[in-house]
C-alpha cells in the first residue's frame, strides 16, 4: 500500500490493498479446503495411501490375504 501512495490517491491504494488481502484469504481458504478434501481422514504412514473409514485400503488388503 505504501508503495502505491506516490502514484495514486490514498483511498485507491487502501482499497487495492484490502482487495488483495481478502483475495489472498479466499484463495488460501479454497486451497486448504481442497487439500483437506483430498487427504480425507489422513494418510497411511506405511504406504502413503489415503485412509478411508479408519483403514488403509492398500495395507489392509495385503494383510487380509
Protein backbone atom coordinates (compact mmCIF):
# COMPACT_ATOMS: atom_id res chain seq x y z
CA UNK A 1 0.00 0.00 0.00
CA UNK A 2 2.76 2.44 0.88
CA UNK A 3 4.47 1.81 -2.44
CA UNK A 4 1.33 2.87 -4.30
CA UNK A 5 0.86 6.19 -2.48
CA UNK A 6 3.10 8.34 -4.73
CA UNK A 7 1.27 7.18 -7.86
CA UNK A 8 -2.42 7.06 -6.90
CA UNK A 9 -4.79 8.62 -4.35
CA UNK A 10 -4.59 7.12 -0.83
CA UNK A 11 -8.20 5.88 -0.90
CA UNK A 12 -7.48 3.87 -4.05
CA UNK A 13 -4.27 2.49 -2.54
CA UNK A 14 -6.13 1.40 0.58
CA UNK A 15 -8.95 -0.19 -1.41
CA UNK A 16 -6.50 -2.09 -3.64
CA UNK A 17 -4.56 -3.33 -0.58
CA UNK A 18 -7.77 -4.50 1.12
CA UNK A 19 -8.94 -6.24 -2.06
CA UNK A 20 -5.60 -8.05 -2.39
CA UNK A 21 -5.71 -9.07 1.29
CA UNK A 22 -9.18 -10.59 1.06
CA UNK A 23 -8.40 -12.13 -2.32
CA UNK A 24 -5.46 -13.98 -0.82
CA UNK A 25 -7.61 -15.06 2.16
CA UNK A 26 -10.23 -16.54 -0.18
CA UNK A 27 -7.58 -18.27 -2.31
CA UNK A 28 -5.87 -19.83 0.71
CA UNK A 29 -9.21 -20.93 2.18
CA UNK A 30 -10.24 -22.68 -1.03
CA UNK A 31 -6.82 -24.29 -1.41
CA UNK A 32 -6.92 -25.52 2.19
CA UNK A 33 -10.42 -26.95 1.64
CA UNK A 34 -9.37 -28.87 -1.48
CA UNK A 35 -6.29 -30.26 0.26
CA UNK A 36 -8.39 -31.31 3.27
CA UNK A 37 -10.91 -32.95 0.94
CA UNK A 38 -8.21 -34.86 -0.94
CA UNK A 39 -6.49 -36.06 2.23
CA UNK A 40 -9.70 -37.07 4.00
CA UNK A 41 -9.08 -38.70 7.36
CA UNK A 42 -5.33 -38.86 6.85
CA UNK A 43 -2.52 -40.58 5.03
CA UNK A 44 -1.12 -44.03 5.82
CA UNK A 45 2.37 -43.82 7.31
CA UNK A 46 3.44 -47.10 5.67
CA UNK A 47 2.35 -46.75 2.05
CA UNK A 48 1.08 -43.15 1.72
CA UNK A 49 -2.43 -44.13 0.63
CA UNK A 50 -5.48 -42.09 1.72
CA UNK A 51 -7.21 -43.53 4.80
CA UNK A 52 -10.89 -44.35 4.25
CA UNK A 53 -13.21 -45.39 7.11
CA UNK A 54 -10.25 -45.57 9.55
CA UNK A 55 -8.48 -48.20 7.44
CA UNK A 56 -5.88 -48.09 4.71
CA UNK A 57 -7.27 -49.83 1.62
CA UNK A 58 -3.79 -50.78 0.39
CA UNK A 59 -2.25 -52.13 3.61
CA UNK A 60 -5.40 -53.83 4.94
CA UNK A 61 -5.89 -55.60 1.60
CA UNK A 62 -2.39 -57.10 1.81
CA UNK A 63 -2.83 -58.05 5.49
CA UNK A 64 -6.08 -59.94 4.83
CA UNK A 65 -4.61 -62.14 2.10
